Amino acid sequence: MKIESVHPKVQEFLEQTKLRDHVKYEVLDTLRQKVFEQYPKVEERMMYGGIIFSLTEDFGGVFVYKNHVSFEFSYGYKLDDPEQLLEGGGKFRRHLKLKSLADIITKKVDFFVKQIKEFED
């Protein structure tokens, strides 16, 4: 199920990504689906060259790089990560680097996305 964005800049970014690199587009689109399935009222917008997701505040975003798609978690340091899948050593942010659709499963994106609501209240 493809989800079109209500924001023209986000939709344009999705379409451009699809034309440039279909594999990265599929990863990007699947990540968006996971977020919207868990949080139907999520808002998205373009910022910092990627798609930022918000509920009561920004909680993360997806960014397309040369060799991967990154799912960035604004407060990733708070997320339960027993297998140490999250990368990054900054004060707050953590991310997952995803190179294929299979990475979405092996890096347990659902597990991390479901934890977001705990930090929104």
PDB file of N, CA and C in Angstrom:
ATOM      1  N   MET A   1       0.840  -1.180   0.000  1.00  0.00           N
ATOM      2  CA  MET A   1       0.000   0.000   0.000  1.00  0.00           C
ATOM      3  C   MET A   1       0.886   1.245   0.000  1.00  0.00           C
ATOM      4  N   LYS A   2       0.845   1.999  -1.047  1.00  0.00           N
ATOM      5  CA  LYS A   2       1.618   3.235  -1.144  1.00  0.00           C
ATOM      6  C   LYS A   2       0.822   4.366  -0.498  1.00  0.00           C
ATOM      7  N   ILE A   3       1.507   5.163   0.308  1.00  0.00           N
ATOM      8  CA  ILE A   3       0.874   6.281   0.987  1.00  0.00           C
ATOM      9  C   ILE A   3       1.379   7.565   0.346  1.00  0.00           C
ATOM     10  N   GLU A   4       0.473   8.298  -0.282  1.00  0.00           N
ATOM     11  CA  GLU A   4       0.861   9.583  -0.846  1.00  0.00           C
ATOM     12  C   GLU A   4       0.856  10.617   0.263  1.00  0.00           C
ATOM     13  N   SER A   5       1.783  11.522   0.199  1.00  0.00           N
ATOM     14  CA  SER A   5       1.874  12.567   1.211  1.00  0.00           C
ATOM     15  C   SER A   5       0.933  13.713   0.866  1.00  0.00           C
ATOM     16  N   VAL A   6       0.383  14.329   1.913  1.00  0.00           N
ATOM     17  CA  VAL A   6      -0.447  15.518   1.706  1.00  0.00           C
ATOM     18  C   VAL A   6       0.433  16.750   1.505  1.00  0.00           C
ATOM     19  N   HIS A   7       1.711  16.609   1.773  1.00  0.00           N
ATOM     20  CA  HIS A   7       2.647  17.716   1.618  1.00  0.00           C
ATOM     21  C   HIS A   7       3.342  17.617   0.267  1.00  0.00           C
ATOM     22  N   PRO A   8       3.160  18.602  -0.600  1.00  0.00           N
ATOM     23  CA  PRO A   8       3.739  18.547  -1.949  1.00  0.00           C
ATOM     24  C   PRO A   8       5.248  18.322  -1.978  1.00  0.00           C
ATOM     25  N   LYS A   9       5.992  18.938  -1.064  1.00  0.00           N
ATOM     26  CA  LYS A   9       7.447  18.772  -1.075  1.00  0.00           C
ATOM     27  C   LYS A   9       7.844  17.345  -0.706  1.00  0.00           C
ATOM     28  N   VAL A  10       7.114  16.738   0.220  1.00  0.00           N
ATOM     29  CA  VAL A  10       7.388  15.341   0.582  1.00  0.00           C
ATOM     30  C   VAL A  10       7.071  14.446  -0.601  1.00  0.00           C
ATOM     31  N   GLN A  11       5.923  14.671  -1.242  1.00  0.00           N
ATOM     32  CA  GLN A  11       5.541  13.846  -2.384  1.00  0.00           C
ATOM     33  C   GLN A  11       6.546  13.982  -3.528  1.00  0.00           C
ATOM     34  N   GLU A  12       7.016  15.182  -3.758  1.00  0.00           N
ATOM     35  CA  GLU A  12       8.020  15.413  -4.799  1.00  0.00           C
ATOM     36  C   GLU A  12       9.321  14.670  -4.465  1.00  0.00           C
ATOM     37  N   PHE A  13       9.732  14.704  -3.209  1.00  0.00           N
ATOM     38  CA  PHE A  13      10.931  13.992  -2.759  1.00  0.00           C
ATOM     39  C   PHE A  13      10.771  12.488  -2.995  1.00  0.00           C
ATOM     40  N   LEU A  14       9.607  11.947  -2.675  1.00  0.00           N
ATOM     41  CA  LEU A  14       9.346  10.519  -2.888  1.00  0.00           C
ATOM     42  C   LEU A  14       9.438  10.169  -4.371  1.00  0.00           C
ATOM     43  N   GLU A  15       8.819  10.980  -5.204  1.00  0.00           N
ATOM     44  CA  GLU A  15       8.824  10.721  -6.644  1.00  0.00           C
ATOM     45  C   GLU A  15      10.234  10.823  -7.229  1.00  0.00           C
ATOM     46  N   GLN A  16      11.004  11.808  -6.783  1.00  0.00           N
ATOM     47  CA  GLN A  16      12.382  11.958  -7.270  1.00  0.00           C
ATOM     48  C   GLN A  16      13.248  10.777  -6.826  1.00  0.00           C
ATOM     49  N   THR A  17      13.049  10.331  -5.606  1.00  0.00           N
ATOM     50  CA  THR A  17      13.810   9.184  -5.100  1.00  0.00           C
ATOM     51  C   THR A  17      13.479   7.939  -5.910  1.00  0.00           C
ATOM     52  N   LYS A  18      12.209   7.760  -6.233  1.00  0.00           N
ATOM     53  CA  LYS A  18      11.779   6.596  -7.019  1.00  0.00           C
ATOM     54  C   LYS A  18      12.448   6.589  -8.391  1.00  0.00           C
ATOM     55  N   LEU A  19      12.567   7.748  -9.003  1.00  0.00           N
ATOM     56  CA  LEU A  19      13.208   7.839 -10.318  1.00  0.00           C
ATOM     57  C   LEU A  19      14.719   7.580 -10.257  1.00  0.00           C
ATOM     58  N   ARG A  20      15.363   8.055  -9.195  1.00  0.00           N
ATOM     59  CA  ARG A  20      16.819   7.933  -9.066  1.00  0.00           C
ATOM     60  C   ARG A  20      17.278   6.552  -8.611  1.00  0.00           C
ATOM     61  N   ASP A  21      16.553   5.973  -7.649  1.00  0.00           N
ATOM     62  CA  ASP A  21      17.021   4.719  -7.057  1.00  0.00           C
ATOM     63  C   ASP A  21      15.821   3.960  -6.498  1.00  0.00           C
ATOM     64  N   HIS A  22      15.344   3.005  -7.267  1.00  0.00           N
ATOM     65  CA  HIS A  22      14.119   2.303  -6.895  1.00  0.00           C
ATOM     66  C   HIS A  22      14.263   1.517  -5.581  1.00  0.00           C
ATOM     67  N   VAL A  23      15.428   0.950  -5.325  1.00  0.00           N
ATOM     68  CA  VAL A  23      15.630   0.187  -4.086  1.00  0.00           C
ATOM     69  C   VAL A  23      15.516   1.113  -2.870  1.00  0.00           C
ATOM     70  N   LYS A  24      16.177   2.264  -2.929  1.00  0.00           N
ATOM     71  CA  LYS A  24      16.090   3.207  -1.816  1.00  0.00           C
ATOM     72  C   LYS A  24      14.664   3.731  -1.665  1.00  0.00           C
ATOM     73  N   TYR A  25      13.978   3.930  -2.789  1.00  0.00           N
ATOM     74  CA  TYR A  25      12.585   4.361  -2.720  1.00  0.00           C
ATOM     75  C   TYR A  25      11.733   3.319  -1.991  1.00  0.00           C
ATOM     76  N   GLU A  26      11.923   2.047  -2.310  1.00  0.00           N
ATOM     77  CA  GLU A  26      11.138   0.991  -1.659  1.00  0.00           C
ATOM     78  C   GLU A  26      11.414   0.959  -0.159  1.00  0.00           C
ATOM     79  N   VAL A  27      12.659   1.136   0.235  1.00  0.00           N
ATOM     80  CA  VAL A  27      12.998   1.187   1.658  1.00  0.00           C
ATOM     81  C   VAL A  27      12.324   2.399   2.296  1.00  0.00           C
ATOM     82  N   LEU A  28      12.467   3.561   1.678  1.00  0.00           N
ATOM     83  CA  LEU A  28      11.873   4.798   2.178  1.00  0.00           C
ATOM     84  C   LEU A  28      10.362   4.671   2.311  1.00  0.00           C
ATOM     85  N   ASP A  29       9.722   4.154   1.292  1.00  0.00           N
ATOM     86  CA  ASP A  29       8.266   4.009   1.297  1.00  0.00           C
ATOM     87  C   ASP A  29       7.810   3.030   2.383  1.00  0.00           C
ATOM     88  N   THR A  30       8.530   1.939   2.549  1.00  0.00           N
ATOM     89  CA  THR A  30       8.177   0.952   3.569  1.00  0.00           C
ATOM     90  C   THR A  30       8.346   1.536   4.969  1.00  0.00           C
ATOM     91  N   LEU A  31       9.384   2.315   5.188  1.00  0.00           N
ATOM     92  CA  LEU A  31       9.568   2.976   6.485  1.00  0.00           C
ATOM     93  C   LEU A  31       8.405   3.913   6.777  1.00  0.00           C
ATOM     94  N   ARG A  32       7.995   4.695   5.790  1.00  0.00           N
ATOM     95  CA  ARG A  32       6.844   5.590   5.973  1.00  0.00           C
ATOM     96  C   ARG A  32       5.590   4.789   6.314  1.00  0.00           C
ATOM     97  N   GLN A  33       5.393   3.671   5.616  1.00  0.00           N
ATOM     98  CA  GLN A  33       4.224   2.829   5.913  1.00  0.00           C
ATOM     99  C   GLN A  33       4.239   2.352   7.356  1.00  0.00           C
ATOM    100  N   LYS A  34       5.386   1.921   7.828  1.00  0.00           N
ATOM    101  CA  LYS A  34       5.511   1.438   9.212  1.00  0.00           C
ATOM    102  C   LYS A  34       5.130   2.544  10.205  1.00  0.00           C
ATOM    103  N   VAL A  35       5.600   3.755   9.953  1.00  0.00           N
ATOM    104  CA  VAL A  35       5.292   4.879  10.840  1.00  0.00           C
ATOM    105  C   VAL A  35       3.798   5.190  10.804  1.00  0.00           C
ATOM    106  N   PHE A  36       3.214   5.264   9.597  1.00  0.00           N
ATOM    107  CA  PHE A  36       1.795   5.602   9.473  1.00  0.00           C
ATOM    108  C   PHE A  36       0.884   4.496  10.004  1.00  0.00           C
ATOM    109  N   GLU A  37       1.304   3.241   9.900  1.00  0.00           N
ATOM    110  CA  GLU A  37       0.514   2.141  10.461  1.00  0.00           C
ATOM    111  C   GLU A  37       0.461   2.247  11.980  1.00  0.00           C
ATOM    112  N   GLN A  38       1.565   2.591  12.596  1.00  0.00           N
ATOM    113  CA  GLN A  38       1.638   2.691  14.057  1.00  0.00           C
ATOM    114  C   GLN A  38       1.000   3.984  14.572  1.00  0.00           C
ATOM    115  N   TYR A  39       1.164   5.069  13.808  1.00  0.00           N
ATOM    116  CA  TYR A  39       0.691   6.395  14.235  1.00  0.00           C
ATOM    117  C   TYR A  39      -0.051   7.071  13.081  1.00  0.00           C
ATOM    118  N   PRO A  40      -1.320   6.733  12.867  1.00  0.00           N
ATOM    119  CA  PRO A  40      -2.070   7.268  11.722  1.00  0.00           C
ATOM    120  C   PRO A  40      -2.147   8.798  11.680  1.00  0.00           C
ATOM    121  N   LYS A  41      -1.994   9.452  12.817  1.00  0.00           N
ATOM    122  CA  LYS A  41      -2.095  10.916  12.847  1.00  0.00           C
ATOM    123  C   LYS A  41      -0.740  11.606  12.754  1.00  0.00           C
ATOM    124  N   VAL A  42       0.295  10.841  12.427  1.00  0.00           N
ATOM    125  CA  VAL A  42       1.626  11.433  12.311  1.00  0.00           C
ATOM    126  C   VAL A  42       1.624  12.485  11.203  1.00  0.00           C
ATOM    127  N   GLU A  43       2.411  13.525  11.423  1.00  0.00           N
ATOM    128  CA  GLU A  43       2.597  14.551  10.392  1.00  0.00           C
ATOM    129  C   GLU A  43       4.015  14.427   9.870  1.00  0.00           C
ATOM    130  N   GLU A  44       4.180  14.762   8.599  1.00  0.00           N
ATOM    131  CA  GLU A  44       5.510  14.705   7.997  1.00  0.00           C
ATOM    132  C   GLU A  44       5.760  15.979   7.210  1.00  0.00           C
ATOM    133  N   ARG A  45       7.034  16.321   7.114  1.00  0.00           N
ATOM    134  CA  ARG A  45       7.434  17.493   6.342  1.00  0.00           C
ATOM    135  C   ARG A  45       8.891  17.326   5.927  1.00  0.00           C
ATOM    136  N   MET A  46       9.298  18.084   4.945  1.00  0.00           N
ATOM    137  CA  MET A  46      10.686  18.066   4.504  1.00  0.00           C
ATOM    138  C   MET A  46      11.507  19.002   5.380  1.00  0.00           C
ATOM    139  N   MET A  47      12.670  18.513   5.822  1.00  0.00           N
ATOM    140  CA  MET A  47      13.600  19.330   6.592  1.00  0.00           C
ATOM    141  C   MET A  47      14.950  18.624   6.584  1.00  0.00           C
ATOM    142  N   TYR A  48      16.010  19.378   6.529  1.00  0.00           N
ATOM    143  CA  TYR A  48      17.368  18.830   6.539  1.00  0.00           C
ATOM    144  C   TYR A  48      17.606  17.843   5.396  1.00  0.00           C
ATOM    145  N   GLY A  49      16.852  17.962   4.307  1.00  0.00           N
ATOM    146  CA  GLY A  49      17.035  17.083   3.159  1.00  0.00           C
ATOM    147  C   GLY A  49      16.356  15.733   3.279  1.00  0.00           C
ATOM    148  N   GLY A  50      15.502  15.566   4.286  1.00  0.00           N
ATOM    149  CA  GLY A  50      14.782  14.300   4.468  1.00  0.00           C
ATOM    150  C   GLY A  50      13.381  14.547   4.972  1.00  0.00           C
ATOM    151  N   ILE A  51      12.688  13.482   5.296  1.00  0.00           N
ATOM    152  CA  ILE A  51      11.316  13.561   5.784  1.00  0.00           C
ATOM    153  C   ILE A  51      11.339  13.474   7.307  1.00  0.00           C
ATOM    154  N   ILE A  52      10.797  14.499   7.967  1.00  0.00           N
ATOM    155  CA  ILE A  52      10.722  14.549   9.426  1.00  0.00           C
ATOM    156  C   ILE A  52       9.317  14.135   9.859  1.00  0.00           C
ATOM    157  N   PHE A  53       9.237  13.290  10.886  1.00  0.00           N
ATOM    158  CA  PHE A  53       7.960  12.835  11.435  1.00  0.00           C
ATOM    159  C   PHE A  53       7.691  13.520  12.766  1.00  0.00           C
ATOM    160  N   SER A  54       6.407  13.897  12.984  1.00  0.00           N
ATOM    161  CA  SER A  54       6.005  14.542  14.230  1.00  0.00           C
ATOM    162  C   SER A  54       4.691  13.984  14.742  1.00  0.00           C
ATOM    163  N   LEU A  55       4.603  13.904  16.055  1.00  0.00           N
ATOM    164  CA  LEU A  55       3.324  13.671  16.745  1.00  0.00           C
ATOM    165  C   LEU A  55       3.109  14.950  17.549  1.00  0.00           C
ATOM    166  N   THR A  56       3.370  14.933  18.843  1.00  0.00           N
ATOM    167  CA  THR A  56       3.319  16.191  19.591  1.00  0.00           C
ATOM    168  C   THR A  56       4.593  17.002  19.367  1.00  0.00           C
ATOM    169  N   GLU A  57       5.669  16.315  18.984  1.00  0.00           N
ATOM    170  CA  GLU A  57       6.927  16.966  18.615  1.00  0.00           C
ATOM    171  C   GLU A  57       7.654  16.059  17.620  1.00  0.00           C
ATOM    172  N   ASP A  58       8.701  16.556  17.018  1.00  0.00           N
ATOM    173  CA  ASP A  58       9.481  15.745  16.073  1.00  0.00           C
ATOM    174  C   ASP A  58      10.063  14.546  16.808  1.00  0.00           C
ATOM    175  N   PHE A  59       9.893  13.359  16.219  1.00  0.00           N
ATOM    176  CA  PHE A  59      10.479  12.179  16.857  1.00  0.00           C
ATOM    177  C   PHE A  59      11.503  11.486  15.988  1.00  0.00           C
ATOM    178  N   GLY A  60      11.632  11.900  14.754  1.00  0.00           N
ATOM    179  CA  GLY A  60      12.634  11.290  13.898  1.00  0.00           C
ATOM    180  C   GLY A  60      12.399  11.611  12.446  1.00  0.00           C
ATOM    181  N   GLY A  61      13.133  10.901  11.604  1.00  0.00           N
ATOM    182  CA  GLY A  61      12.987  11.128  10.187  1.00  0.00           C
ATOM    183  C   GLY A  61      13.747  10.112   9.371  1.00  0.00           C
ATOM    184  N   VAL A  62      13.507  10.166   8.073  1.00  0.00           N
ATOM    185  CA  VAL A  62      14.184   9.271   7.146  1.00  0.00           C
ATOM    186  C   VAL A  62      14.949  10.109   6.122  1.00  0.00           C
ATOM    187  N   PHE A  63      16.170   9.654   5.846  1.00  0.00           N
ATOM    188  CA  PHE A  63      17.069  10.395   4.977  1.00  0.00           C
ATOM    189  C   PHE A  63      17.721   9.432   3.998  1.00  0.00           C
ATOM    190  N   VAL A  64      17.823   9.858   2.749  1.00  0.00           N
ATOM    191  CA  VAL A  64      18.423   9.030   1.708  1.00  0.00           C
ATOM    192  C   VAL A  64      19.860   9.486   1.488  1.00  0.00           C
ATOM    193  N   TYR A  65      20.775   8.549   1.627  1.00  0.00           N
ATOM    194  CA  TYR A  65      22.192   8.804   1.399  1.00  0.00           C
ATOM    195  C   TYR A  65      22.670   7.979   0.207  1.00  0.00           C
ATOM    196  N   LYS A  66      23.908   8.164  -0.179  1.00  0.00           N
ATOM    197  CA  LYS A  66      24.456   7.476  -1.357  1.00  0.00           C
ATOM    198  C   LYS A  66      24.337   5.959  -1.245  1.00  0.00           C
ATOM    199  N   ASN A  67      24.652   5.396  -0.072  1.00  0.00           N
ATOM    200  CA  ASN A  67      24.695   3.941   0.063  1.00  0.00           C
ATOM    201  C   ASN A  67      23.620   3.334   0.956  1.00  0.00           C
ATOM    202  N   HIS A  68      22.735   4.171   1.499  1.00  0.00           N
ATOM    203  CA  HIS A  68      21.715   3.640   2.403  1.00  0.00           C
ATOM    204  C   HIS A  68      20.612   4.664   2.656  1.00  0.00           C
ATOM    205  N   VAL A  69      19.573   4.202   3.329  1.00  0.00           N
ATOM    206  CA  VAL A  69      18.536   5.074   3.866  1.00  0.00           C
ATOM    207  C   VAL A  69      18.697   5.021   5.377  1.00  0.00           C
ATOM    208  N   SER A  70      18.633   6.152   6.021  1.00  0.00           N
ATOM    209  CA  SER A  70      18.813   6.213   7.468  1.00  0.00           C
ATOM    210  C   SER A  70      17.494   6.581   8.141  1.00  0.00           C
ATOM    211  N   PHE A  71      17.123   5.821   9.153  1.00  0.00           N
ATOM    212  CA  PHE A  71      15.983   6.183  10.000  1.00  0.00           C
ATOM    213  C   PHE A  71      16.592   6.762  11.274  1.00  0.00           C
ATOM    214  N   GLU A  72      16.402   8.060  11.456  1.00  0.00           N
ATOM    215  CA  GLU A  72      16.971   8.776  12.597  1.00  0.00           C
ATOM    216  C   GLU A  72      15.916   8.914  13.687  1.00  0.00           C
ATOM    217  N   PHE A  73      16.289   8.614  14.907  1.00  0.00           N
ATOM    218  CA  PHE A  73      15.397   8.750  16.058  1.00  0.00           C
ATOM    219  C   PHE A  73      15.890   9.902  16.922  1.00  0.00           C
ATOM    220  N   SER A  74      15.080  10.943  17.054  1.00  0.00           N
ATOM    221  CA  SER A  74      15.479  12.152  17.774  1.00  0.00           C
ATOM    222  C   SER A  74      15.923  11.864  19.195  1.00  0.00           C
ATOM    223  N   TYR A  75      15.224  10.972  19.867  1.00  0.00           N
ATOM    224  CA  TYR A  75      15.575  10.608  21.245  1.00  0.00           C
ATOM    225  C   TYR A  75      15.938   9.128  21.307  1.00  0.00           C
ATOM    226  N   GLY A  76      16.767   8.725  20.371  1.00  0.00           N
ATOM    227  CA  GLY A  76      17.158   7.329  20.264  1.00  0.00           C
ATOM    228  C   GLY A  76      17.858   6.780  21.487  1.00  0.00           C
ATOM    229  N   TYR A  77      18.499   7.654  22.243  1.00  0.00           N
ATOM    230  CA  TYR A  77      19.195   7.191  23.443  1.00  0.00           C
ATOM    231  C   TYR A  77      18.218   6.629  24.478  1.00  0.00           C
ATOM    232  N   LYS A  78      16.930   6.990  24.379  1.00  0.00           N
ATOM    233  CA  LYS A  78      15.923   6.499  25.311  1.00  0.00           C
ATOM    234  C   LYS A  78      15.326   5.153  24.893  1.00  0.00           C
ATOM    235  N   LEU A  79      15.549   4.756  23.648  1.00  0.00           N
ATOM    236  CA  LEU A  79      14.929   3.536  23.134  1.00  0.00           C
ATOM    237  C   LEU A  79      15.595   2.287  23.695  1.00  0.00           C
ATOM    238  N   ASP A  80      14.776   1.308  23.997  1.00  0.00           N
ATOM    239  CA  ASP A  80      15.279   0.008  24.420  1.00  0.00           C
ATOM    240  C   ASP A  80      15.956  -0.627  23.208  1.00  0.00           C
ATOM    241  N   ASP A  81      17.188  -1.041  23.349  1.00  0.00           N
ATOM    242  CA  ASP A  81      17.961  -1.586  22.235  1.00  0.00           C
ATOM    243  C   ASP A  81      18.824  -2.755  22.721  1.00  0.00           C
ATOM    244  N   PRO A  82      18.179  -3.859  23.131  1.00  0.00           N
ATOM    245  CA  PRO A  82      18.936  -4.970  23.728  1.00  0.00           C
ATOM    246  C   PRO A  82      19.961  -5.603  22.786  1.00  0.00           C
ATOM    247  N   GLU A  83      19.735  -5.513  21.477  1.00  0.00           N
ATOM    248  CA  GLU A  83      20.668  -6.120  20.518  1.00  0.00           C
ATOM    249  C   GLU A  83      21.681  -5.111  19.979  1.00  0.00           C
ATOM    250  N   GLN A  84      21.629  -3.904  20.483  1.00  0.00           N
ATOM    251  CA  GLN A  84      22.534  -2.828  20.066  1.00  0.00           C
ATOM    252  C   GLN A  84      22.550  -2.644  18.551  1.00  0.00           C
ATOM    253  N   LEU A  85      21.354  -2.498  17.990  1.00  0.00           N
ATOM    254  CA  LEU A  85      21.194  -2.288  16.554  1.00  0.00           C
ATOM    255  C   LEU A  85      21.310  -0.815  16.169  1.00  0.00           C
ATOM    256  N   LEU A  86      20.964   0.067  17.104  1.00  0.00           N
ATOM    257  CA  LEU A  86      21.026   1.498  16.819  1.00  0.00           C
ATOM    258  C   LEU A  86      22.472   1.966  16.777  1.00  0.00           C
ATOM    259  N   GLU A  87      22.740   2.868  15.847  1.00  0.00           N
ATOM    260  CA  GLU A  87      24.072   3.436  15.706  1.00  0.00           C
ATOM    261  C   GLU A  87      24.058   4.890  16.156  1.00  0.00           C
ATOM    262  N   GLY A  88      25.226   5.399  16.479  1.00  0.00           N
ATOM    263  CA  GLY A  88      25.366   6.802  16.842  1.00  0.00           C
ATOM    264  C   GLY A  88      25.740   6.958  18.297  1.00  0.00           C
ATOM    265  N   GLY A  89      26.616   7.887  18.559  1.00  0.00           N
ATOM    266  CA  GLY A  89      27.088   8.096  19.917  1.00  0.00           C
ATOM    267  C   GLY A  89      26.878   9.506  20.407  1.00  0.00           C
ATOM    268  N   GLY A  90      26.003  10.248  19.713  1.00  0.00           N
ATOM    269  CA  GLY A  90      25.726  11.614  20.150  1.00  0.00           C
ATOM    270  C   GLY A  90      24.915  11.639  21.431  1.00  0.00           C
ATOM    271  N   LYS A  91      24.626  12.821  21.882  1.00  0.00           N
ATOM    272  CA  LYS A  91      23.915  12.985  23.145  1.00  0.00           C
ATOM    273  C   LYS A  91      22.506  12.381  23.094  1.00  0.00           C
ATOM    274  N   PHE A  92      21.773  12.573  21.994  1.00  0.00           N
ATOM    275  CA  PHE A  92      20.383  12.132  21.912  1.00  0.00           C
ATOM    276  C   PHE A  92      20.089  11.169  20.766  1.00  0.00           C
ATOM    277  N   ARG A  93      20.501  11.542  19.573  1.00  0.00           N
ATOM    278  CA  ARG A  93      20.093  10.815  18.361  1.00  0.00           C
ATOM    279  C   ARG A  93      20.735   9.452  18.235  1.00  0.00           C
ATOM    280  N   ARG A  94      19.953   8.547  17.625  1.00  0.00           N
ATOM    281  CA  ARG A  94      20.461   7.246  17.207  1.00  0.00           C
ATOM    282  C   ARG A  94      19.818   6.965  15.857  1.00  0.00           C
ATOM    283  N   HIS A  95      20.435   6.075  15.072  1.00  0.00           N
ATOM    284  CA  HIS A  95      19.894   5.797  13.746  1.00  0.00           C
ATOM    285  C   HIS A  95      20.121   4.341  13.350  1.00  0.00           C
ATOM    286  N   LEU A  96      19.341   3.962  12.342  1.00  0.00           N
ATOM    287  CA  LEU A  96      19.503   2.660  11.689  1.00  0.00           C
ATOM    288  C   LEU A  96      19.862   2.925  10.242  1.00  0.00           C
ATOM    289  N   LYS A  97      20.907   2.272   9.745  1.00  0.00           N
ATOM    290  CA  LYS A  97      21.262   2.357   8.328  1.00  0.00           C
ATOM    291  C   LYS A  97      20.637   1.159   7.625  1.00  0.00           C
ATOM    292  N   LEU A  98      19.842   1.452   6.602  1.00  0.00           N
ATOM    293  CA  LEU A  98      19.094   0.411   5.898  1.00  0.00           C
ATOM    294  C   LEU A  98      19.460   0.421   4.419  1.00  0.00           C
ATOM    295  N   LYS A  99      19.957  -0.703   3.929  1.00  0.00           N
ATOM    296  CA  LYS A  99      20.379  -0.805   2.532  1.00  0.00           C
ATOM    297  C   LYS A  99      19.411  -1.609   1.672  1.00  0.00           C
ATOM    298  N   SER A 100      18.487  -2.320   2.333  1.00  0.00           N
ATOM    299  CA  SER A 100      17.542  -3.165   1.588  1.00  0.00           C
ATOM    300  C   SER A 100      16.265  -3.322   2.389  1.00  0.00           C
ATOM    301  N   LEU A 101      15.243  -3.855   1.746  1.00  0.00           N
ATOM    302  CA  LEU A 101      13.999  -4.137   2.462  1.00  0.00           C
ATOM    303  C   LEU A 101      14.225  -5.149   3.574  1.00  0.00           C
ATOM    304  N   ALA A 102      15.124  -6.096   3.358  1.00  0.00           N
ATOM    305  CA  ALA A 102      15.420  -7.104   4.381  1.00  0.00           C
ATOM    306  C   ALA A 102      15.967  -6.459   5.655  1.00  0.00           C
ATOM    307  N   ASP A 103      16.721  -5.366   5.520  1.00  0.00           N
ATOM    308  CA  ASP A 103      17.261  -4.677   6.691  1.00  0.00           C
ATOM    309  C   ASP A 103      16.163  -4.145   7.608  1.00  0.00           C
ATOM    310  N   ILE A 104      15.009  -3.828   7.042  1.00  0.00           N
ATOM    311  CA  ILE A 104      13.895  -3.324   7.852  1.00  0.00           C
ATOM    312  C   ILE A 104      13.468  -4.373   8.871  1.00  0.00           C
ATOM    313  N   ILE A 105      13.568  -5.635   8.480  1.00  0.00           N
ATOM    314  CA  ILE A 105      13.232  -6.734   9.398  1.00  0.00           C
ATOM    315  C   ILE A 105      14.410  -7.051  10.306  1.00  0.00           C
ATOM    316  N   THR A 106      15.583  -7.242   9.725  1.00  0.00           N
ATOM    317  CA  THR A 106      16.730  -7.659  10.538  1.00  0.00           C
ATOM    318  C   THR A 106      17.156  -6.595  11.548  1.00  0.00           C
ATOM    319  N   LYS A 107      16.919  -5.332  11.224  1.00  0.00           N
ATOM    320  CA  LYS A 107      17.266  -4.257  12.162  1.00  0.00           C
ATOM    321  C   LYS A 107      16.074  -3.831  13.018  1.00  0.00           C
ATOM    322  N   LYS A 108      14.984  -4.600  12.912  1.00  0.00           N
ATOM    323  CA  LYS A 108      13.818  -4.481  13.804  1.00  0.00           C
ATOM    324  C   LYS A 108      13.225  -3.072  13.878  1.00  0.00           C
ATOM    325  N   VAL A 109      12.976  -2.488  12.719  1.00  0.00           N
ATOM    326  CA  VAL A 109      12.405  -1.143  12.669  1.00  0.00           C
ATOM    327  C   VAL A 109      11.095  -1.074  13.451  1.00  0.00           C
ATOM    328  N   ASP A 110      10.220  -2.065  13.288  1.00  0.00           N
ATOM    329  CA  ASP A 110       8.939  -2.063  14.017  1.00  0.00           C
ATOM    330  C   ASP A 110       9.142  -1.930  15.520  1.00  0.00           C
ATOM    331  N   PHE A 111      10.096  -2.659  16.057  1.00  0.00           N
ATOM    332  CA  PHE A 111      10.392  -2.652  17.484  1.00  0.00           C
ATOM    333  C   PHE A 111      10.692  -1.235  17.973  1.00  0.00           C
ATOM    334  N   PHE A 112      11.473  -0.493  17.200  1.00  0.00           N
ATOM    335  CA  PHE A 112      11.848   0.861  17.596  1.00  0.00           C
ATOM    336  C   PHE A 112      10.711   1.855  17.360  1.00  0.00           C
ATOM    337  N   VAL A 113      10.010   1.725  16.241  1.00  0.00           N
ATOM    338  CA  VAL A 113       8.905   2.639  15.945  1.00  0.00           C
ATOM    339  C   VAL A 113       7.815   2.529  17.013  1.00  0.00           C
ATOM    340  N   LYS A 114       7.531   1.335  17.481  1.00  0.00           N
ATOM    341  CA  LYS A 114       6.487   1.145  18.500  1.00  0.00           C
ATOM    342  C   LYS A 114       6.849   1.809  19.825  1.00  0.00           C
ATOM    343  N   GLN A 115       8.114   2.052  20.070  1.00  0.00           N
ATOM    344  CA  GLN A 115       8.536   2.682  21.325  1.00  0.00           C
ATOM    345  C   GLN A 115       8.388   4.203  21.326  1.00  0.00           C
ATOM    346  N   ILE A 116       8.203   4.790  20.172  1.00  0.00           N
ATOM    347  CA  ILE A 116       8.169   6.258  20.055  1.00  0.00           C
ATOM    348  C   ILE A 116       7.127   6.887  20.973  1.00  0.00           C
ATOM    349  N   LYS A 117       5.937   6.353  21.000  1.00  0.00           N
ATOM    350  CA  LYS A 117       4.843   6.939  21.768  1.00  0.00           C
ATOM    351  C   LYS A 117       5.194   7.081  23.246  1.00  0.00           C
ATOM    352  N   GLU A 118       6.014   6.204  23.770  1.00  0.00           N
ATOM    353  CA  GLU A 118       6.414   6.272  25.182  1.00  0.00           C
ATOM    354  C   GLU A 118       7.093   7.589  25.526  1.00  0.00           C
ATOM    355  N   PHE A 119       7.708   8.218  24.553  1.00  0.00           N
ATOM    356  CA  PHE A 119       8.477   9.435  24.813  1.00  0.00           C
ATOM    357  C   PHE A 119       7.779  10.694  24.329  1.00  0.00           C
ATOM    358  N   GLU A 120       6.528  10.551  23.856  1.00  0.00           N
ATOM    359  CA  GLU A 120       5.787  11.682  23.334  1.00  0.00           C
ATOM    360  C   GLU A 120       4.930  12.359  24.400  1.00  0.00           C
ATOM    361  N   ASP A 121       4.662  11.693  25.492  1.00  0.00           N
ATOM    362  CA  ASP A 121       3.740  12.247  26.499  1.00  0.00           C
ATOM    363  C   ASP A 121       4.425  13.169  27.473  1.00  0.00           C
TER     364      ASP A 121
END
